[in-house]
Amino acid sequence: MIGFALCDQCKHKIGLKDGWCVTCSAFPDGIPARFHGSREECKNGVCFELKEDVPDYIRETWDKIR
């Protein structure tokens, strides 16, 4: 399991499990390698949401692609 840049910008990201496995509210045991992000529900009713403190250029890009 690995994390993706999109997941790094999500407010639901929790951190690392076992020192390397990226976790979040949707995937508490680790984000699956086959998971490529979603504009809708990721899993368990959790959807991607930008963190409050993301740089403006990331927020502007996200607004364009969603």
N, C-alpha and C. Protein backbone atom coordinates (compact mmCIF):
# COMPACT_ATOMS: atom_id res chain seq x y z
N MET A 1 0.83 -1.18 0.00
CA MET A 1 0.00 0.00 0.00
C MET A 1 0.88 1.24 0.00
N ILE A 2 0.44 2.25 -0.77
CA ILE A 2 1.20 3.49 -0.85
C ILE A 2 0.25 4.67 -0.80
N GLY A 3 0.78 5.84 -0.54
CA GLY A 3 -0.04 7.05 -0.55
C GLY A 3 0.15 7.79 -1.86
N PHE A 4 -0.78 8.62 -2.19
CA PHE A 4 -0.73 9.39 -3.42
C PHE A 4 -0.76 10.87 -3.10
N ALA A 5 -0.25 11.68 -4.00
CA ALA A 5 -0.20 13.12 -3.78
C ALA A 5 -1.58 13.67 -3.46
N LEU A 6 -2.61 13.20 -4.14
CA LEU A 6 -3.96 13.67 -3.86
C LEU A 6 -4.34 13.39 -2.42
N CYS A 7 -4.03 12.20 -1.96
CA CYS A 7 -4.36 11.84 -0.57
C CYS A 7 -3.59 12.70 0.42
N ASP A 8 -2.39 13.12 0.06
CA ASP A 8 -1.60 13.97 0.95
C ASP A 8 -2.28 15.30 1.22
N GLN A 9 -3.17 15.72 0.36
CA GLN A 9 -3.85 17.00 0.51
C GLN A 9 -5.23 16.87 1.16
N CYS A 10 -5.60 15.68 1.57
CA CYS A 10 -6.94 15.43 2.13
C CYS A 10 -6.95 15.60 3.64
N LYS A 11 -8.01 16.21 4.14
CA LYS A 11 -8.11 16.43 5.58
C LYS A 11 -8.39 15.15 6.36
N HIS A 12 -8.71 14.05 5.65
CA HIS A 12 -8.99 12.79 6.31
C HIS A 12 -7.75 11.90 6.47
N LYS A 13 -6.61 12.35 5.93
CA LYS A 13 -5.38 11.58 6.06
C LYS A 13 -4.99 11.52 7.53
N ILE A 14 -4.63 10.32 7.99
CA ILE A 14 -4.26 10.13 9.39
C ILE A 14 -2.75 10.13 9.55
N GLY A 15 -2.06 9.32 8.80
CA GLY A 15 -0.61 9.22 8.92
C GLY A 15 -0.13 7.87 8.47
N LEU A 16 0.96 7.41 9.07
CA LEU A 16 1.56 6.14 8.67
C LEU A 16 1.27 5.03 9.67
N LYS A 17 1.05 3.85 9.15
CA LYS A 17 0.89 2.65 9.97
C LYS A 17 2.14 1.80 9.74
N ASP A 18 2.72 1.32 10.79
CA ASP A 18 3.94 0.51 10.71
C ASP A 18 5.10 1.28 10.07
N GLY A 19 5.04 2.61 10.12
CA GLY A 19 6.14 3.42 9.63
C GLY A 19 6.17 3.68 8.14
N TRP A 20 5.26 3.09 7.37
CA TRP A 20 5.31 3.31 5.92
C TRP A 20 3.96 3.30 5.22
N CYS A 21 2.95 2.72 5.81
CA CYS A 21 1.66 2.53 5.17
C CYS A 21 0.75 3.74 5.45
N VAL A 22 0.42 4.51 4.42
CA VAL A 22 -0.41 5.71 4.58
C VAL A 22 -1.84 5.32 4.90
N THR A 23 -2.42 5.95 5.93
CA THR A 23 -3.78 5.65 6.35
C THR A 23 -4.65 6.91 6.33
N CYS A 24 -5.96 6.68 6.33
CA CYS A 24 -6.92 7.78 6.39
C CYS A 24 -8.22 7.25 6.99
N SER A 25 -9.18 8.13 7.15
CA SER A 25 -10.47 7.73 7.72
C SER A 25 -11.18 6.69 6.84
N ALA A 26 -11.00 6.76 5.54
CA ALA A 26 -11.63 5.80 4.63
C ALA A 26 -10.90 4.46 4.63
N PHE A 27 -9.58 4.50 4.79
CA PHE A 27 -8.75 3.30 4.75
C PHE A 27 -7.84 3.26 5.98
N PRO A 28 -8.39 2.94 7.16
CA PRO A 28 -7.59 2.96 8.39
C PRO A 28 -6.50 1.89 8.44
N ASP A 29 -6.60 0.87 7.59
CA ASP A 29 -5.56 -0.16 7.54
C ASP A 29 -4.53 0.11 6.44
N GLY A 30 -4.71 1.19 5.70
CA GLY A 30 -3.79 1.55 4.64
C GLY A 30 -4.51 1.78 3.33
N ILE A 31 -4.07 2.79 2.61
CA ILE A 31 -4.67 3.11 1.30
C ILE A 31 -4.17 2.08 0.29
N PRO A 32 -5.07 1.38 -0.38
CA PRO A 32 -4.65 0.34 -1.34
C PRO A 32 -3.85 0.93 -2.50
N ALA A 33 -2.86 0.21 -2.97
CA ALA A 33 -2.04 0.66 -4.10
C ALA A 33 -2.88 0.89 -5.34
N ARG A 34 -3.96 0.13 -5.50
CA ARG A 34 -4.82 0.27 -6.69
C ARG A 34 -5.75 1.48 -6.59
N PHE A 35 -5.78 2.14 -5.45
CA PHE A 35 -6.68 3.28 -5.27
C PHE A 35 -6.05 4.51 -5.89
N HIS A 36 -6.77 5.15 -6.80
CA HIS A 36 -6.24 6.30 -7.52
C HIS A 36 -6.97 7.59 -7.18
N GLY A 37 -7.62 7.62 -6.05
CA GLY A 37 -8.36 8.82 -5.67
C GLY A 37 -9.75 8.80 -6.26
N SER A 38 -10.57 9.66 -5.76
CA SER A 38 -11.95 9.69 -6.20
C SER A 38 -12.51 11.09 -5.99
N ARG A 39 -13.37 11.49 -6.86
CA ARG A 39 -14.05 12.77 -6.67
C ARG A 39 -15.33 12.56 -5.89
N GLU A 40 -15.67 11.31 -5.67
CA GLU A 40 -16.86 11.00 -4.91
C GLU A 40 -16.42 10.27 -3.63
N GLU A 41 -17.17 9.29 -3.22
CA GLU A 41 -16.84 8.57 -2.00
C GLU A 41 -15.60 7.70 -2.18
N CYS A 42 -14.68 7.79 -1.23
CA CYS A 42 -13.51 6.91 -1.24
C CYS A 42 -13.92 5.55 -0.69
N LYS A 43 -14.46 5.54 0.54
CA LYS A 43 -14.93 4.31 1.18
C LYS A 43 -15.56 4.69 2.51
N ASN A 44 -16.48 3.90 2.98
CA ASN A 44 -17.11 4.09 4.29
C ASN A 44 -17.74 5.47 4.47
N GLY A 45 -18.26 6.05 3.40
CA GLY A 45 -18.91 7.35 3.48
C GLY A 45 -17.96 8.53 3.55
N VAL A 46 -16.66 8.29 3.43
CA VAL A 46 -15.66 9.36 3.49
C VAL A 46 -15.33 9.81 2.08
N CYS A 47 -15.33 11.11 1.87
CA CYS A 47 -14.99 11.69 0.57
C CYS A 47 -13.74 12.56 0.71
N PHE A 48 -13.01 12.70 -0.38
CA PHE A 48 -11.85 13.58 -0.40
C PHE A 48 -12.29 15.01 -0.10
N GLU A 49 -11.58 15.66 0.82
CA GLU A 49 -11.80 17.07 1.12
C GLU A 49 -10.45 17.71 1.34
N LEU A 50 -10.22 18.83 0.69
CA LEU A 50 -8.95 19.52 0.87
C LEU A 50 -8.75 19.97 2.30
N LYS A 51 -7.50 19.85 2.78
CA LYS A 51 -7.16 20.39 4.09
C LYS A 51 -7.31 21.91 4.04
N GLU A 52 -7.53 22.50 5.18
CA GLU A 52 -7.70 23.95 5.25
C GLU A 52 -6.44 24.71 4.87
N ASP A 53 -5.27 24.12 5.16
CA ASP A 53 -4.01 24.86 5.00
C ASP A 53 -3.27 24.57 3.70
N VAL A 54 -3.96 24.06 2.67
CA VAL A 54 -3.27 23.80 1.41
C VAL A 54 -2.94 25.13 0.73
N PRO A 55 -1.83 25.17 -0.01
CA PRO A 55 -1.48 26.40 -0.74
C PRO A 55 -2.56 26.76 -1.78
N ASP A 56 -2.65 28.03 -2.09
CA ASP A 56 -3.67 28.51 -3.03
C ASP A 56 -3.59 27.80 -4.39
N TYR A 57 -2.37 27.53 -4.88
CA TYR A 57 -2.27 26.92 -6.20
C TYR A 57 -2.86 25.51 -6.22
N ILE A 58 -2.78 24.80 -5.11
CA ILE A 58 -3.40 23.46 -5.04
C ILE A 58 -4.91 23.60 -5.00
N ARG A 59 -5.42 24.53 -4.20
CA ARG A 59 -6.86 24.75 -4.13
C ARG A 59 -7.42 25.18 -5.50
N GLU A 60 -6.71 26.05 -6.20
CA GLU A 60 -7.16 26.50 -7.52
C GLU A 60 -7.17 25.35 -8.53
N THR A 61 -6.14 24.51 -8.47
CA THR A 61 -6.09 23.35 -9.37
C THR A 61 -7.22 22.39 -9.07
N TRP A 62 -7.46 22.12 -7.79
CA TRP A 62 -8.55 21.21 -7.40
C TRP A 62 -9.89 21.74 -7.88
N ASP A 63 -10.11 23.05 -7.75
CA ASP A 63 -11.37 23.64 -8.18
C ASP A 63 -11.57 23.46 -9.68
N LYS A 64 -10.48 23.46 -10.46
CA LYS A 64 -10.58 23.31 -11.92
C LYS A 64 -10.90 21.87 -12.33
N ILE A 65 -10.38 20.89 -11.59
CA ILE A 65 -10.54 19.50 -12.04
C ILE A 65 -11.76 18.80 -11.46
N ARG A 66 -12.38 19.36 -10.46
CA ARG A 66 -13.52 18.64 -9.90
C ARG A 66 -14.81 19.01 -10.55
